[in-house]
Amino acid sequence: MVAESVNRKTSAKEIAVYEICNAMSQLETVKGLSTMDNLAQRRAAQVRWLKIAMENMEAALDGNAETRQICFAKLMDT
């Protein structure tokens, strides 16, 4: 009877430890997904910025010589 009681307590402790480890693992997974989401959002923002910059550059190159020179100077500064 005592051995059975000890086994039940050990099993309960093992289950509790397993559940805690499992919960911690799931939390790390969620953190990783959140980080990936943030990275994807940053990349999307960079792509949007680059698209706008390219459109502005195209418009400037279609403009007059002075505008082209300004655009070229700004491009060389970056």
N, C-alpha and C. Protein backbone atom coordinates (compact mmCIF):
# COMPACT_ATOMS: atom_id res chain seq x y z
N MET A 1 0.82 -1.20 0.00
CA MET A 1 0.00 0.00 0.00
C MET A 1 0.86 1.26 0.00
N VAL A 2 1.93 1.28 0.82
CA VAL A 2 2.81 2.44 0.89
C VAL A 2 3.53 2.63 -0.44
N ALA A 3 4.00 1.52 -1.03
CA ALA A 3 4.70 1.60 -2.31
C ALA A 3 3.77 2.15 -3.39
N GLU A 4 2.52 1.72 -3.37
CA GLU A 4 1.55 2.21 -4.35
C GLU A 4 1.32 3.71 -4.17
N SER A 5 1.24 4.16 -2.93
CA SER A 5 1.05 5.58 -2.63
C SER A 5 2.25 6.39 -3.12
N VAL A 6 3.48 5.87 -2.90
CA VAL A 6 4.69 6.55 -3.35
C VAL A 6 4.69 6.63 -4.87
N ASN A 7 4.31 5.52 -5.53
CA ASN A 7 4.27 5.52 -7.00
C ASN A 7 3.27 6.53 -7.52
N ARG A 8 2.13 6.65 -6.87
CA ARG A 8 1.13 7.63 -7.30
C ARG A 8 1.67 9.06 -7.15
N LYS A 9 2.36 9.33 -6.04
CA LYS A 9 2.92 10.66 -5.84
C LYS A 9 4.00 10.94 -6.88
N THR A 10 4.85 9.95 -7.12
CA THR A 10 5.90 10.12 -8.12
C THR A 10 5.27 10.35 -9.49
N SER A 11 4.28 9.58 -9.81
CA SER A 11 3.62 9.74 -11.10
C SER A 11 2.99 11.12 -11.21
N ALA A 12 2.37 11.57 -10.14
CA ALA A 12 1.75 12.90 -10.15
C ALA A 12 2.81 13.97 -10.34
N LYS A 13 3.96 13.80 -9.67
CA LYS A 13 5.05 14.76 -9.82
C LYS A 13 5.59 14.73 -11.25
N GLU A 14 5.76 13.53 -11.77
CA GLU A 14 6.26 13.41 -13.14
C GLU A 14 5.30 14.04 -14.14
N ILE A 15 4.02 13.82 -13.92
CA ILE A 15 3.01 14.42 -14.80
C ILE A 15 3.06 15.93 -14.70
N ALA A 16 3.17 16.45 -13.48
CA ALA A 16 3.22 17.90 -13.29
C ALA A 16 4.45 18.49 -13.98
N VAL A 17 5.61 17.83 -13.82
CA VAL A 17 6.84 18.30 -14.46
C VAL A 17 6.68 18.25 -15.98
N TYR A 18 6.11 17.16 -16.48
CA TYR A 18 5.89 17.03 -17.92
C TYR A 18 4.99 18.15 -18.43
N GLU A 19 3.91 18.42 -17.72
CA GLU A 19 2.98 19.48 -18.14
C GLU A 19 3.65 20.85 -18.13
N ILE A 20 4.46 21.10 -17.13
CA ILE A 20 5.17 22.38 -17.06
C ILE A 20 6.15 22.50 -18.23
N CYS A 21 6.90 21.43 -18.49
CA CYS A 21 7.85 21.46 -19.61
C CYS A 21 7.12 21.63 -20.94
N ASN A 22 5.99 20.96 -21.08
CA ASN A 22 5.20 21.08 -22.30
C ASN A 22 4.69 22.51 -22.47
N ALA A 23 4.21 23.11 -21.39
CA ALA A 23 3.72 24.49 -21.45
C ALA A 23 4.84 25.45 -21.81
N MET A 24 6.03 25.23 -21.25
CA MET A 24 7.17 26.09 -21.56
C MET A 24 7.56 25.95 -23.04
N SER A 25 7.51 24.73 -23.54
CA SER A 25 7.82 24.49 -24.94
C SER A 25 6.83 25.21 -25.85
N GLN A 26 5.56 25.15 -25.50
CA GLN A 26 4.53 25.83 -26.29
C GLN A 26 4.73 27.34 -26.24
N LEU A 27 5.11 27.87 -25.10
CA LEU A 27 5.37 29.30 -24.97
C LEU A 27 6.52 29.73 -25.87
N GLU A 28 7.59 28.92 -25.90
CA GLU A 28 8.72 29.22 -26.78
C GLU A 28 8.29 29.20 -28.24
N THR A 29 7.41 28.27 -28.59
CA THR A 29 6.91 28.20 -29.97
C THR A 29 6.14 29.46 -30.31
N VAL A 30 5.29 29.91 -29.40
CA VAL A 30 4.51 31.13 -29.63
C VAL A 30 5.44 32.33 -29.76
N LYS A 31 6.45 32.41 -28.91
CA LYS A 31 7.42 33.51 -29.00
C LYS A 31 8.11 33.49 -30.36
N GLY A 32 8.48 32.29 -30.81
CA GLY A 32 9.13 32.16 -32.11
C GLY A 32 8.24 32.60 -33.24
N LEU A 33 6.97 32.23 -33.19
CA LEU A 33 6.02 32.65 -34.22
C LEU A 33 5.83 34.15 -34.20
N SER A 34 5.78 34.72 -33.00
CA SER A 34 5.64 36.17 -32.87
C SER A 34 6.84 36.88 -33.48
N THR A 35 8.03 36.35 -33.24
CA THR A 35 9.23 36.93 -33.81
C THR A 35 9.20 36.83 -35.33
N MET A 36 8.73 35.69 -35.84
CA MET A 36 8.64 35.53 -37.29
C MET A 36 7.62 36.50 -37.88
N ASP A 37 6.51 36.71 -37.18
CA ASP A 37 5.51 37.67 -37.64
C ASP A 37 6.10 39.08 -37.70
N ASN A 38 6.84 39.45 -36.65
CA ASN A 38 7.48 40.77 -36.63
C ASN A 38 8.47 40.91 -37.77
N LEU A 39 9.24 39.86 -38.03
CA LEU A 39 10.20 39.90 -39.12
C LEU A 39 9.48 40.06 -40.46
N ALA A 40 8.39 39.32 -40.63
CA ALA A 40 7.62 39.42 -41.88
C ALA A 40 7.05 40.82 -42.05
N GLN A 41 6.58 41.42 -40.96
CA GLN A 41 6.03 42.77 -41.04
C GLN A 41 7.11 43.79 -41.39
N ARG A 42 8.31 43.61 -40.80
CA ARG A 42 9.41 44.52 -41.12
C ARG A 42 9.82 44.38 -42.58
N ARG A 43 9.89 43.15 -43.06
CA ARG A 43 10.25 42.92 -44.46
C ARG A 43 9.20 43.53 -45.39
N ALA A 44 7.94 43.37 -45.05
CA ALA A 44 6.87 43.94 -45.88
C ALA A 44 6.98 45.47 -45.92
N ALA A 45 7.30 46.08 -44.78
CA ALA A 45 7.46 47.53 -44.72
C ALA A 45 8.65 47.97 -45.58
N GLN A 46 9.73 47.20 -45.54
CA GLN A 46 10.90 47.53 -46.36
C GLN A 46 10.57 47.44 -47.84
N VAL A 47 9.82 46.40 -48.21
CA VAL A 47 9.43 46.24 -49.62
C VAL A 47 8.54 47.39 -50.06
N ARG A 48 7.59 47.80 -49.20
CA ARG A 48 6.72 48.93 -49.53
C ARG A 48 7.55 50.20 -49.72
N TRP A 49 8.49 50.44 -48.81
CA TRP A 49 9.34 51.62 -48.91
C TRP A 49 10.15 51.60 -50.20
N LEU A 50 10.73 50.44 -50.51
CA LEU A 50 11.54 50.32 -51.72
C LEU A 50 10.70 50.54 -52.97
N LYS A 51 9.49 50.02 -52.98
CA LYS A 51 8.60 50.22 -54.13
C LYS A 51 8.30 51.71 -54.33
N ILE A 52 7.99 52.40 -53.25
CA ILE A 52 7.71 53.84 -53.32
C ILE A 52 8.95 54.59 -53.79
N ALA A 53 10.11 54.23 -53.25
CA ALA A 53 11.36 54.89 -53.64
C ALA A 53 11.64 54.68 -55.13
N MET A 54 11.38 53.48 -55.61
CA MET A 54 11.61 53.20 -57.03
C MET A 54 10.63 53.98 -57.91
N GLU A 55 9.38 54.08 -57.47
CA GLU A 55 8.39 54.87 -58.22
C GLU A 55 8.79 56.34 -58.25
N ASN A 56 9.25 56.86 -57.12
CA ASN A 56 9.70 58.26 -57.07
C ASN A 56 10.91 58.48 -57.98
N MET A 57 11.81 57.52 -57.97
CA MET A 57 12.99 57.63 -58.81
C MET A 57 12.60 57.59 -60.30
N GLU A 58 11.69 56.70 -60.63
CA GLU A 58 11.22 56.62 -62.01
C GLU A 58 10.58 57.94 -62.45
N ALA A 59 9.77 58.51 -61.56
CA ALA A 59 9.13 59.80 -61.87
C ALA A 59 10.18 60.89 -62.04
N ALA A 60 11.19 60.86 -61.18
CA ALA A 60 12.24 61.88 -61.27
C ALA A 60 13.04 61.73 -62.56
N LEU A 61 13.30 60.50 -62.95
CA LEU A 61 14.07 60.28 -64.18
C LEU A 61 13.28 60.68 -65.42
N ASP A 62 11.96 60.64 -65.31
CA ASP A 62 11.12 61.07 -66.43
C ASP A 62 11.00 62.59 -66.47
N GLY A 63 11.44 63.26 -65.41
CA GLY A 63 11.31 64.72 -65.32
C GLY A 63 12.45 65.43 -66.03
N ASN A 64 12.69 66.66 -65.62
CA ASN A 64 13.72 67.47 -66.27
C ASN A 64 15.11 67.15 -65.74
N ALA A 65 16.11 67.73 -66.34
CA ALA A 65 17.51 67.43 -66.00
C ALA A 65 17.84 67.81 -64.55
N GLU A 66 17.30 68.92 -64.08
CA GLU A 66 17.57 69.35 -62.70
C GLU A 66 17.03 68.32 -61.70
N THR A 67 15.82 67.83 -61.95
CA THR A 67 15.23 66.83 -61.07
C THR A 67 16.05 65.55 -61.09
N ARG A 68 16.54 65.16 -62.25
CA ARG A 68 17.38 63.96 -62.36
C ARG A 68 18.66 64.13 -61.54
N GLN A 69 19.25 65.32 -61.59
CA GLN A 69 20.48 65.58 -60.83
C GLN A 69 20.22 65.50 -59.33
N ILE A 70 19.11 66.05 -58.88
CA ILE A 70 18.75 66.00 -57.45
C ILE A 70 18.55 64.55 -57.02
N CYS A 71 17.83 63.81 -57.84
CA CYS A 71 17.57 62.40 -57.54
C CYS A 71 18.89 61.63 -57.48
N PHE A 72 19.76 61.86 -58.43
CA PHE A 72 21.05 61.18 -58.46
C PHE A 72 21.88 61.53 -57.23
N ALA A 73 21.88 62.79 -56.84
CA ALA A 73 22.63 63.22 -55.65
C ALA A 73 22.10 62.55 -54.39
N LYS A 74 20.78 62.47 -54.26
CA LYS A 74 20.19 61.81 -53.09
C LYS A 74 20.54 60.33 -53.08
N LEU A 75 20.52 59.73 -54.25
CA LEU A 75 20.86 58.31 -54.36
C LEU A 75 22.30 58.07 -53.95
N MET A 76 23.20 58.95 -54.33
CA MET A 76 24.62 58.79 -54.00
C MET A 76 24.87 59.02 -52.51
N ASP A 77 24.02 59.80 -51.84
CA ASP A 77 24.17 60.05 -50.40
C ASP A 77 23.80 58.84 -49.56
N THR A 78 22.98 57.94 -50.09
CA THR A 78 22.52 56.79 -49.30
C THR A 78 23.47 55.65 -49.34
